[in-house]
Amino acid sequence: MKKAIRMRVFPDKHEAYKKRHDELWPELQEVLKTHGCTKYNIWLDEETHYLFAYLEIEDEELFTKIADMTINRKWWDFMADIMETNADNSPVSIDLTQVFELED
């Protein structure tokens, strides 16, 4: 299953966002993998500060369980100072609708 979401990083926090993801905690990487995430890519539009994330997951229900895990909550708290978040520190994210795909 393919997913795409949009989030937003604060204008002066682009470098911090990249650095934190370059150093993504091994425990969080493992949780993503064990919950069926086989690909996860994030791009930044430097002009608008929007992040575009593309994920491939095996099972939506399994993947959504990550939100309640302690390691994920710690990550949200860690990221809250550099991006738009909800009251629980989860990133404000908008699901995007796929409108085109070209495959071999």
PDB file of N, CA and C in Angstrom:
ATOM      1  N   MET A   1       0.846  -1.173   0.000  1.00  0.00           N
ATOM      2  CA  MET A   1       0.000   0.000   0.000  1.00  0.00           C
ATOM      3  C   MET A   1       0.892   1.236   0.000  1.00  0.00           C
ATOM      4  N   LYS A   2       0.533   2.205  -0.813  1.00  0.00           N
ATOM      5  CA  LYS A   2       1.288   3.452  -0.901  1.00  0.00           C
ATOM      6  C   LYS A   2       0.541   4.552  -0.176  1.00  0.00           C
ATOM      7  N   LYS A   3       1.300   5.403   0.526  1.00  0.00           N
ATOM      8  CA  LYS A   3       0.728   6.533   1.247  1.00  0.00           C
ATOM      9  C   LYS A   3       1.574   7.765   0.954  1.00  0.00           C
ATOM     10  N   ALA A   4       0.933   8.897   0.936  1.00  0.00           N
ATOM     11  CA  ALA A   4       1.648  10.164   0.824  1.00  0.00           C
ATOM     12  C   ALA A   4       0.996  11.148   1.777  1.00  0.00           C
ATOM     13  N   ILE A   5       1.832  11.902   2.478  1.00  0.00           N
ATOM     14  CA  ILE A   5       1.318  12.904   3.412  1.00  0.00           C
ATOM     15  C   ILE A   5       2.113  14.199   3.266  1.00  0.00           C
ATOM     16  N   ARG A   6       1.484  15.281   3.706  1.00  0.00           N
ATOM     17  CA  ARG A   6       2.126  16.585   3.717  1.00  0.00           C
ATOM     18  C   ARG A   6       2.207  17.078   5.157  1.00  0.00           C
ATOM     19  N   MET A   7       3.371  17.597   5.507  1.00  0.00           N
ATOM     20  CA  MET A   7       3.594  18.189   6.821  1.00  0.00           C
ATOM     21  C   MET A   7       4.316  19.508   6.594  1.00  0.00           C
ATOM     22  N   ARG A   8       4.651  20.212   7.665  1.00  0.00           N
ATOM     23  CA  ARG A   8       5.341  21.497   7.494  1.00  0.00           C
ATOM     24  C   ARG A   8       6.373  21.687   8.603  1.00  0.00           C
ATOM     25  N   VAL A   9       7.563  22.051   8.176  1.00  0.00           N
ATOM     26  CA  VAL A   9       8.653  22.355   9.099  1.00  0.00           C
ATOM     27  C   VAL A   9       8.761  23.873   9.215  1.00  0.00           C
ATOM     28  N   PHE A  10       9.187  24.363  10.368  1.00  0.00           N
ATOM     29  CA  PHE A  10       9.335  25.804  10.536  1.00  0.00           C
ATOM     30  C   PHE A  10      10.439  26.330   9.614  1.00  0.00           C
ATOM     31  N   PRO A  11      10.274  27.549   9.083  1.00  0.00           N
ATOM     32  CA  PRO A  11      11.206  28.085   8.083  1.00  0.00           C
ATOM     33  C   PRO A  11      12.684  28.058   8.489  1.00  0.00           C
ATOM     34  N   ASP A  12      12.975  28.303   9.733  1.00  0.00           N
ATOM     35  CA  ASP A  12      14.386  28.351  10.153  1.00  0.00           C
ATOM     36  C   ASP A  12      14.880  27.012  10.699  1.00  0.00           C
ATOM     37  N   LYS A  13      14.128  25.937  10.476  1.00  0.00           N
ATOM     38  CA  LYS A  13      14.474  24.635  11.057  1.00  0.00           C
ATOM     39  C   LYS A  13      14.737  23.542  10.019  1.00  0.00           C
ATOM     40  N   HIS A  14      14.950  23.922   8.773  1.00  0.00           N
ATOM     41  CA  HIS A  14      15.199  22.929   7.727  1.00  0.00           C
ATOM     42  C   HIS A  14      16.398  22.045   8.051  1.00  0.00           C
ATOM     43  N   GLU A  15      17.496  22.669   8.429  1.00  0.00           N
ATOM     44  CA  GLU A  15      18.716  21.904   8.724  1.00  0.00           C
ATOM     45  C   GLU A  15      18.529  20.995   9.932  1.00  0.00           C
ATOM     46  N   ALA A  16      17.878  21.481  10.949  1.00  0.00           N
ATOM     47  CA  ALA A  16      17.635  20.669  12.140  1.00  0.00           C
ATOM     48  C   ALA A  16      16.764  19.465  11.802  1.00  0.00           C
ATOM     49  N   TYR A  17      15.771  19.679  10.961  1.00  0.00           N
ATOM     50  CA  TYR A  17      14.888  18.580  10.565  1.00  0.00           C
ATOM     51  C   TYR A  17      15.682  17.497   9.841  1.00  0.00           C
ATOM     52  N   LYS A  18      16.506  17.905   8.895  1.00  0.00           N
ATOM     53  CA  LYS A  18      17.318  16.937   8.151  1.00  0.00           C
ATOM     54  C   LYS A  18      18.284  16.217   9.081  1.00  0.00           C
ATOM     55  N   LYS A  19      18.954  16.956   9.947  1.00  0.00           N
ATOM     56  CA  LYS A  19      19.930  16.356  10.864  1.00  0.00           C
ATOM     57  C   LYS A  19      19.272  15.309  11.758  1.00  0.00           C
ATOM     58  N   ARG A  20      18.117  15.622  12.296  1.00  0.00           N
ATOM     59  CA  ARG A  20      17.437  14.672  13.175  1.00  0.00           C
ATOM     60  C   ARG A  20      17.046  13.407  12.424  1.00  0.00           C
ATOM     61  N   HIS A  21      16.669  13.542  11.175  1.00  0.00           N
ATOM     62  CA  HIS A  21      16.322  12.354  10.398  1.00  0.00           C
ATOM     63  C   HIS A  21      17.563  11.596   9.938  1.00  0.00           C
ATOM     64  N   ASP A  22      18.650  12.304   9.721  1.00  0.00           N
ATOM     65  CA  ASP A  22      19.918  11.628   9.405  1.00  0.00           C
ATOM     66  C   ASP A  22      20.363  10.759  10.578  1.00  0.00           C
ATOM     67  N   GLU A  23      19.953  11.142  11.767  1.00  0.00           N
ATOM     68  CA  GLU A  23      20.321  10.433  12.993  1.00  0.00           C
ATOM     69  C   GLU A  23      19.115   9.724  13.619  1.00  0.00           C
ATOM     70  N   LEU A  24      18.174   9.308  12.767  1.00  0.00           N
ATOM     71  CA  LEU A  24      16.956   8.650  13.259  1.00  0.00           C
ATOM     72  C   LEU A  24      17.313   7.507  14.207  1.00  0.00           C
ATOM     73  N   TRP A  25      16.657   7.485  15.328  1.00  0.00           N
ATOM     74  CA  TRP A  25      16.945   6.494  16.355  1.00  0.00           C
ATOM     75  C   TRP A  25      16.757   5.073  15.813  1.00  0.00           C
ATOM     76  N   PRO A  26      17.719   4.202  16.066  1.00  0.00           N
ATOM     77  CA  PRO A  26      17.598   2.811  15.607  1.00  0.00           C
ATOM     78  C   PRO A  26      16.328   2.123  16.112  1.00  0.00           C
ATOM     79  N   GLU A  27      15.905   2.441  17.335  1.00  0.00           N
ATOM     80  CA  GLU A  27      14.691   1.834  17.880  1.00  0.00           C
ATOM     81  C   GLU A  27      13.460   2.225  17.067  1.00  0.00           C
ATOM     82  N   LEU A  28      13.427   3.465  16.609  1.00  0.00           N
ATOM     83  CA  LEU A  28      12.294   3.921  15.809  1.00  0.00           C
ATOM     84  C   LEU A  28      12.344   3.302  14.413  1.00  0.00           C
ATOM     85  N   GLN A  29      13.531   3.187  13.859  1.00  0.00           N
ATOM     86  CA  GLN A  29      13.676   2.511  12.568  1.00  0.00           C
ATOM     87  C   GLN A  29      13.141   1.086  12.646  1.00  0.00           C
ATOM     88  N   GLU A  30      13.481   0.402  13.722  1.00  0.00           N
ATOM     89  CA  GLU A  30      13.035  -0.980  13.893  1.00  0.00           C
ATOM     90  C   GLU A  30      11.517  -1.068  14.029  1.00  0.00           C
ATOM     91  N   VAL A  31      10.928  -0.149  14.773  1.00  0.00           N
ATOM     92  CA  VAL A  31       9.469  -0.131  14.925  1.00  0.00           C
ATOM     93  C   VAL A  31       8.799   0.082  13.570  1.00  0.00           C
ATOM     94  N   LEU A  32       9.312   0.990  12.782  1.00  0.00           N
ATOM     95  CA  LEU A  32       8.746   1.218  11.448  1.00  0.00           C
ATOM     96  C   LEU A  32       8.786  -0.061  10.623  1.00  0.00           C
ATOM     97  N   LYS A  33       9.925  -0.723  10.634  1.00  0.00           N
ATOM     98  CA  LYS A  33      10.076  -1.957   9.853  1.00  0.00           C
ATOM     99  C   LYS A  33       9.172  -3.075  10.359  1.00  0.00           C
ATOM    100  N   THR A  34       9.120  -3.257  11.665  1.00  0.00           N
ATOM    101  CA  THR A  34       8.307  -4.348  12.210  1.00  0.00           C
ATOM    102  C   THR A  34       6.809  -4.081  12.088  1.00  0.00           C
ATOM    103  N   HIS A  35       6.467  -2.851  11.797  1.00  0.00           N
ATOM    104  CA  HIS A  35       5.063  -2.509  11.583  1.00  0.00           C
ATOM    105  C   HIS A  35       4.743  -2.320  10.094  1.00  0.00           C
ATOM    106  N   GLY A  36       5.573  -2.936   9.265  1.00  0.00           N
ATOM    107  CA  GLY A  36       5.258  -3.048   7.856  1.00  0.00           C
ATOM    108  C   GLY A  36       5.640  -1.893   6.958  1.00  0.00           C
ATOM    109  N   CYS A  37       6.461  -0.982   7.421  1.00  0.00           N
ATOM    110  CA  CYS A  37       6.906   0.122   6.574  1.00  0.00           C
ATOM    111  C   CYS A  37       8.134  -0.347   5.792  1.00  0.00           C
ATOM    112  N   THR A  38       7.978  -0.481   4.487  1.00  0.00           N
ATOM    113  CA  THR A  38       9.082  -0.973   3.658  1.00  0.00           C
ATOM    114  C   THR A  38       9.843   0.154   2.957  1.00  0.00           C
ATOM    115  N   LYS A  39       9.207   1.301   2.817  1.00  0.00           N
ATOM    116  CA  LYS A  39       9.858   2.489   2.247  1.00  0.00           C
ATOM    117  C   LYS A  39       9.293   3.714   2.943  1.00  0.00           C
ATOM    118  N   TYR A  40      10.168   4.689   3.181  1.00  0.00           N
ATOM    119  CA  TYR A  40       9.727   5.951   3.777  1.00  0.00           C
ATOM    120  C   TYR A  40      10.683   7.022   3.277  1.00  0.00           C
ATOM    121  N   ASN A  41      10.187   7.929   2.484  1.00  0.00           N
ATOM    122  CA  ASN A  41      10.983   9.023   1.940  1.00  0.00           C
ATOM    123  C   ASN A  41      10.300  10.337   2.281  1.00  0.00           C
ATOM    124  N   ILE A  42      11.116  11.358   2.567  1.00  0.00           N
ATOM    125  CA  ILE A  42      10.585  12.681   2.855  1.00  0.00           C
ATOM    126  C   ILE A  42      11.349  13.701   2.013  1.00  0.00           C
ATOM    127  N   TRP A  43      10.594  14.586   1.353  1.00  0.00           N
ATOM    128  CA  TRP A  43      11.182  15.676   0.588  1.00  0.00           C
ATOM    129  C   TRP A  43      10.734  16.995   1.190  1.00  0.00           C
ATOM    130  N   LEU A  44      11.556  18.020   0.996  1.00  0.00           N
ATOM    131  CA  LEU A  44      11.269  19.356   1.513  1.00  0.00           C
ATOM    132  C   LEU A  44      11.142  20.346   0.360  1.00  0.00           C
ATOM    133  N   ASP A  45      10.068  21.122   0.358  1.00  0.00           N
ATOM    134  CA  ASP A  45       9.941  22.268  -0.541  1.00  0.00           C
ATOM    135  C   ASP A  45      10.477  23.456   0.250  1.00  0.00           C
ATOM    136  N   GLU A  46      11.673  23.895  -0.076  1.00  0.00           N
ATOM    137  CA  GLU A  46      12.345  24.926   0.706  1.00  0.00           C
ATOM    138  C   GLU A  46      11.658  26.282   0.640  1.00  0.00           C
ATOM    139  N   GLU A  47      10.852  26.516  -0.387  1.00  0.00           N
ATOM    140  CA  GLU A  47      10.155  27.796  -0.500  1.00  0.00           C
ATOM    141  C   GLU A  47       8.917  27.858   0.387  1.00  0.00           C
ATOM    142  N   THR A  48       8.173  26.759   0.466  1.00  0.00           N
ATOM    143  CA  THR A  48       6.934  26.761   1.244  1.00  0.00           C
ATOM    144  C   THR A  48       7.093  26.113   2.612  1.00  0.00           C
ATOM    145  N   HIS A  49       8.208  25.396   2.805  1.00  0.00           N
ATOM    146  CA  HIS A  49       8.514  24.695   4.056  1.00  0.00           C
ATOM    147  C   HIS A  49       7.658  23.450   4.244  1.00  0.00           C
ATOM    148  N   TYR A  50       6.968  23.048   3.177  1.00  0.00           N
ATOM    149  CA  TYR A  50       6.175  21.828   3.249  1.00  0.00           C
ATOM    150  C   TYR A  50       7.057  20.611   3.046  1.00  0.00           C
ATOM    151  N   LEU A  51       6.732  19.574   3.789  1.00  0.00           N
ATOM    152  CA  LEU A  51       7.379  18.275   3.657  1.00  0.00           C
ATOM    153  C   LEU A  51       6.407  17.351   2.937  1.00  0.00           C
ATOM    154  N   PHE A  52       6.920  16.582   2.017  1.00  0.00           N
ATOM    155  CA  PHE A  52       6.131  15.573   1.322  1.00  0.00           C
ATOM    156  C   PHE A  52       6.725  14.226   1.698  1.00  0.00           C
ATOM    157  N   ALA A  53       5.928  13.378   2.317  1.00  0.00           N
ATOM    158  CA  ALA A  53       6.394  12.055   2.716  1.00  0.00           C
ATOM    159  C   ALA A  53       5.698  10.997   1.877  1.00  0.00           C
ATOM    160  N   TYR A  54       6.493  10.050   1.408  1.00  0.00           N
ATOM    161  CA  TYR A  54       5.981   8.918   0.643  1.00  0.00           C
ATOM    162  C   TYR A  54       6.351   7.645   1.389  1.00  0.00           C
ATOM    163  N   LEU A  55       5.350   6.807   1.642  1.00  0.00           N
ATOM    164  CA  LEU A  55       5.571   5.566   2.377  1.00  0.00           C
ATOM    165  C   LEU A  55       4.976   4.393   1.614  1.00  0.00           C
ATOM    166  N   GLU A  56       5.597   3.264   1.777  1.00  0.00           N
ATOM    167  CA  GLU A  56       5.000   2.014   1.338  1.00  0.00           C
ATOM    168  C   GLU A  56       4.885   1.143   2.571  1.00  0.00           C
ATOM    169  N   ILE A  57       3.664   0.696   2.837  1.00  0.00           N
ATOM    170  CA  ILE A  57       3.398  -0.103   4.024  1.00  0.00           C
ATOM    171  C   ILE A  57       2.668  -1.376   3.628  1.00  0.00           C
ATOM    172  N   GLU A  58       2.791  -2.369   4.492  1.00  0.00           N
ATOM    173  CA  GLU A  58       2.151  -3.649   4.206  1.00  0.00           C
ATOM    174  C   GLU A  58       0.699  -3.692   4.655  1.00  0.00           C
ATOM    175  N   ASP A  59       0.396  -3.002   5.760  1.00  0.00           N
ATOM    176  CA  ASP A  59      -0.937  -3.092   6.351  1.00  0.00           C
ATOM    177  C   ASP A  59      -1.237  -1.800   7.097  1.00  0.00           C
ATOM    178  N   GLU A  60      -2.287  -1.112   6.705  1.00  0.00           N
ATOM    179  CA  GLU A  60      -2.648   0.174   7.316  1.00  0.00           C
ATOM    180  C   GLU A  60      -2.930   0.041   8.809  1.00  0.00           C
ATOM    181  N   GLU A  61      -3.678  -0.979   9.196  1.00  0.00           N
ATOM    182  CA  GLU A  61      -4.033  -1.165  10.603  1.00  0.00           C
ATOM    183  C   GLU A  61      -2.792  -1.395  11.466  1.00  0.00           C
ATOM    184  N   LEU A  62      -1.881  -2.229  10.988  1.00  0.00           N
ATOM    185  CA  LEU A  62      -0.641  -2.478  11.723  1.00  0.00           C
ATOM    186  C   LEU A  62       0.189  -1.206  11.820  1.00  0.00           C
ATOM    187  N   PHE A  63       0.302  -0.482  10.732  1.00  0.00           N
ATOM    188  CA  PHE A  63       1.111   0.727  10.706  1.00  0.00           C
ATOM    189  C   PHE A  63       0.575   1.794  11.658  1.00  0.00           C
ATOM    190  N   THR A  64      -0.733   1.955  11.737  1.00  0.00           N
ATOM    191  CA  THR A  64      -1.302   2.993  12.602  1.00  0.00           C
ATOM    192  C   THR A  64      -1.044   2.735  14.085  1.00  0.00           C
ATOM    193  N   LYS A  65      -0.718   1.506  14.451  1.00  0.00           N
ATOM    194  CA  LYS A  65      -0.420   1.186  15.849  1.00  0.00           C
ATOM    195  C   LYS A  65       0.850   1.873  16.341  1.00  0.00           C
ATOM    196  N   ILE A  66       1.698   2.300  15.424  1.00  0.00           N
ATOM    197  CA  ILE A  66       2.933   2.991  15.807  1.00  0.00           C
ATOM    198  C   ILE A  66       2.622   4.257  16.601  1.00  0.00           C
ATOM    199  N   ALA A  67       1.546   4.926  16.263  1.00  0.00           N
ATOM    200  CA  ALA A  67       1.200   6.199  16.910  1.00  0.00           C
ATOM    201  C   ALA A  67       1.111   6.091  18.427  1.00  0.00           C
ATOM    202  N   ASP A  68       0.730   4.938  18.940  1.00  0.00           N
ATOM    203  CA  ASP A  68       0.568   4.772  20.387  1.00  0.00           C
ATOM    204  C   ASP A  68       1.802   4.212  21.083  1.00  0.00           C
ATOM    205  N   MET A  69       2.860   4.000  20.340  1.00  0.00           N
ATOM    206  CA  MET A  69       4.065   3.406  20.941  1.00  0.00           C
ATOM    207  C   MET A  69       4.908   4.492  21.623  1.00  0.00           C
ATOM    208  N   THR A  70       5.516   4.137  22.730  1.00  0.00           N
ATOM    209  CA  THR A  70       6.312   5.080  23.519  1.00  0.00           C
ATOM    210  C   THR A  70       7.426   5.713  22.705  1.00  0.00           C
ATOM    211  N   ILE A  71       8.158   4.921  21.929  1.00  0.00           N
ATOM    212  CA  ILE A  71       9.272   5.461  21.145  1.00  0.00           C
ATOM    213  C   ILE A  71       8.773   6.486  20.131  1.00  0.00           C
ATOM    214  N   ASN A  72       7.618   6.249  19.569  1.00  0.00           N
ATOM    215  CA  ASN A  72       7.059   7.198  18.608  1.00  0.00           C
ATOM    216  C   ASN A  72       6.632   8.486  19.297  1.00  0.00           C
ATOM    217  N   ARG A  73       6.023   8.361  20.475  1.00  0.00           N
ATOM    218  CA  ARG A  73       5.616   9.549  21.244  1.00  0.00           C
ATOM    219  C   ARG A  73       6.841  10.383  21.621  1.00  0.00           C
ATOM    220  N   LYS A  74       7.934   9.707  21.975  1.00  0.00           N
ATOM    221  CA  LYS A  74       9.175  10.431  22.291  1.00  0.00           C
ATOM    222  C   LYS A  74       9.688  11.169  21.062  1.00  0.00           C
ATOM    223  N   TRP A  75       9.587  10.540  19.885  1.00  0.00           N
ATOM    224  CA  TRP A  75      10.018  11.188  18.648  1.00  0.00           C
ATOM    225  C   TRP A  75       9.168  12.427  18.370  1.00  0.00           C
ATOM    226  N   TRP A  76       7.861  12.294  18.531  1.00  0.00           N
ATOM    227  CA  TRP A  76       6.990  13.456  18.336  1.00  0.00           C
ATOM    228  C   TRP A  76       7.384  14.594  19.267  1.00  0.00           C
ATOM    229  N   ASP A  77       7.635  14.279  20.529  1.00  0.00           N
ATOM    230  CA  ASP A  77       8.044  15.311  21.483  1.00  0.00           C
ATOM    231  C   ASP A  77       9.361  15.956  21.063  1.00  0.00           C
ATOM    232  N   PHE A  78      10.282  15.140  20.578  1.00  0.00           N
ATOM    233  CA  PHE A  78      11.602  15.592  20.127  1.00  0.00           C
ATOM    234  C   PHE A  78      11.487  16.526  18.922  1.00  0.00           C
ATOM    235  N   MET A  79      10.510  16.296  18.069  1.00  0.00           N
ATOM    236  CA  MET A  79      10.353  17.068  16.842  1.00  0.00           C
ATOM    237  C   MET A  79       9.441  18.286  16.993  1.00  0.00           C
ATOM    238  N   ALA A  80       8.733  18.386  18.086  1.00  0.00           N
ATOM    239  CA  ALA A  80       7.701  19.422  18.245  1.00  0.00           C
ATOM    240  C   ALA A  80       8.230  20.850  18.161  1.00  0.00           C
ATOM    241  N   ASP A  81       9.494  21.059  18.473  1.00  0.00           N
ATOM    242  CA  ASP A  81      10.030  22.419  18.445  1.00  0.00           C
ATOM    243  C   ASP A  81      10.430  22.890  17.052  1.00  0.00           C
ATOM    244  N   ILE A  82      10.351  21.992  16.045  1.00  0.00           N
ATOM    245  CA  ILE A  82      10.800  22.402  14.719  1.00  0.00           C
ATOM    246  C   ILE A  82       9.743  22.250  13.622  1.00  0.00           C
ATOM    247  N   MET A  83       8.553  21.787  13.993  1.00  0.00           N
ATOM    248  CA  MET A  83       7.522  21.623  12.967  1.00  0.00           C
ATOM    249  C   MET A  83       6.133  21.855  13.533  1.00  0.00           C
ATOM    250  N   GLU A  84       5.178  22.028  12.640  1.00  0.00           N
ATOM    251  CA  GLU A  84       3.795  22.211  13.066  1.00  0.00           C
ATOM    252  C   GLU A  84       3.281  20.914  13.674  1.00  0.00           C
ATOM    253  N   THR A  85       2.674  21.028  14.865  1.00  0.00           N
ATOM    254  CA  THR A  85       2.188  19.852  15.567  1.00  0.00           C
ATOM    255  C   THR A  85       0.788  20.065  16.114  1.00  0.00           C
ATOM    256  N   ASN A  86       0.151  18.962  16.429  1.00  0.00           N
ATOM    257  CA  ASN A  86      -1.135  18.965  17.122  1.00  0.00           C
ATOM    258  C   ASN A  86      -0.881  19.071  18.624  1.00  0.00           C
ATOM    259  N   ALA A  87      -1.932  19.134  19.408  1.00  0.00           N
ATOM    260  CA  ALA A  87      -1.818  19.273  20.860  1.00  0.00           C
ATOM    261  C   ALA A  87      -1.027  18.134  21.502  1.00  0.00           C
ATOM    262  N   ASP A  88      -1.075  16.931  20.915  1.00  0.00           N
ATOM    263  CA  ASP A  88      -0.330  15.793  21.475  1.00  0.00           C
ATOM    264  C   ASP A  88       1.083  15.670  20.901  1.00  0.00           C
ATOM    265  N   ASN A  89       1.540  16.708  20.198  1.00  0.00           N
ATOM    266  CA  ASN A  89       2.849  16.783  19.545  1.00  0.00           C
ATOM    267  C   ASN A  89       2.971  15.936  18.286  1.00  0.00           C
ATOM    268  N   SER A  90       1.913  15.265  17.874  1.00  0.00           N
ATOM    269  CA  SER A  90       1.962  14.569  16.585  1.00  0.00           C
ATOM    270  C   SER A  90       2.053  15.620  15.490  1.00  0.00           C
ATOM    271  N   PRO A  91       2.763  15.314  14.414  1.00  0.00           N
ATOM    272  CA  PRO A  91       2.852  16.311  13.348  1.00  0.00           C
ATOM    273  C   PRO A  91       1.486  16.561  12.705  1.00  0.00           C
ATOM    274  N   VAL A  92       1.221  17.808  12.389  1.00  0.00           N
ATOM    275  CA  VAL A  92       0.043  18.118  11.592  1.00  0.00           C
ATOM    276  C   VAL A  92       0.325  17.514  10.218  1.00  0.00           C
ATOM    277  N   SER A  93      -0.483  16.566   9.820  1.00  0.00           N
ATOM    278  CA  SER A  93      -0.255  15.915   8.524  1.00  0.00           C
ATOM    279  C   SER A  93      -1.562  15.767   7.772  1.00  0.00           C
ATOM    280  N   ILE A  94      -1.448  15.916   6.486  1.00  0.00           N
ATOM    281  CA  ILE A  94      -2.588  15.817   5.586  1.00  0.00           C
ATOM    282  C   ILE A  94      -2.324  14.657   4.637  1.00  0.00           C
ATOM    283  N   ASP A  95      -3.246  13.702   4.573  1.00  0.00           N
ATOM    284  CA  ASP A  95      -3.131  12.622   3.606  1.00  0.00           C
ATOM    285  C   ASP A  95      -3.342  13.191   2.215  1.00  0.00           C
ATOM    286  N   LEU A  96      -2.502  12.774   1.288  1.00  0.00           N
ATOM    287  CA  LEU A  96      -2.604  13.217  -0.092  1.00  0.00           C
ATOM    288  C   LEU A  96      -3.223  12.114  -0.942  1.00  0.00           C
ATOM    289  N   THR A  97      -3.927  12.511  -1.968  1.00  0.00           N
ATOM    290  CA  THR A  97      -4.597  11.576  -2.865  1.00  0.00           C
ATOM    291  C   THR A  97      -3.749  11.387  -4.122  1.00  0.00           C
ATOM    292  N   GLN A  98      -3.454  10.150  -4.439  1.00  0.00           N
ATOM    293  CA  GLN A  98      -2.694   9.868  -5.650  1.00  0.00           C
ATOM    294  C   GLN A  98      -3.574  10.108  -6.872  1.00  0.00           C
ATOM    295  N   VAL A  99      -3.028  10.833  -7.846  1.00  0.00           N
ATOM    296  CA  VAL A  99      -3.778  11.105  -9.056  1.00  0.00           C
ATOM    297  C   VAL A  99      -3.090  10.585 -10.312  1.00  0.00           C
ATOM    298  N   PHE A 100      -1.846  10.103 -10.191  1.00  0.00           N
ATOM    299  CA  PHE A 100      -1.133   9.580 -11.357  1.00  0.00           C
ATOM    300  C   PHE A 100       0.009   8.695 -10.895  1.00  0.00           C
ATOM    301  N   GLU A 101       0.294   7.671 -11.688  1.00  0.00           N
ATOM    302  CA  GLU A 101       1.456   6.818 -11.432  1.00  0.00           C
ATOM    303  C   GLU A 101       1.909   6.221 -12.756  1.00  0.00           C
ATOM    304  N   LEU A 102       3.209   6.225 -12.963  1.00  0.00           N
ATOM    305  CA  LEU A 102       3.816   5.595 -14.141  1.00  0.00           C
ATOM    306  C   LEU A 102       4.765   4.529 -13.635  1.00  0.00           C
ATOM    307  N   GLU A 103       4.499   3.303 -13.982  1.00  0.00           N
ATOM    308  CA  GLU A 103       5.355   2.184 -13.585  1.00  0.00           C
ATOM    309  C   GLU A 103       5.757   1.402 -14.815  1.00  0.00           C
ATOM    310  N   ASP A 104       6.841   0.664 -14.674  1.00  0.00           N
ATOM    311  CA  ASP A 104       7.293  -0.220 -15.768  1.00  0.00           C
ATOM    312  C   ASP A 104       6.326  -1.340 -15.976  1.00  0.00           C
TER     313      ASP A 104
END
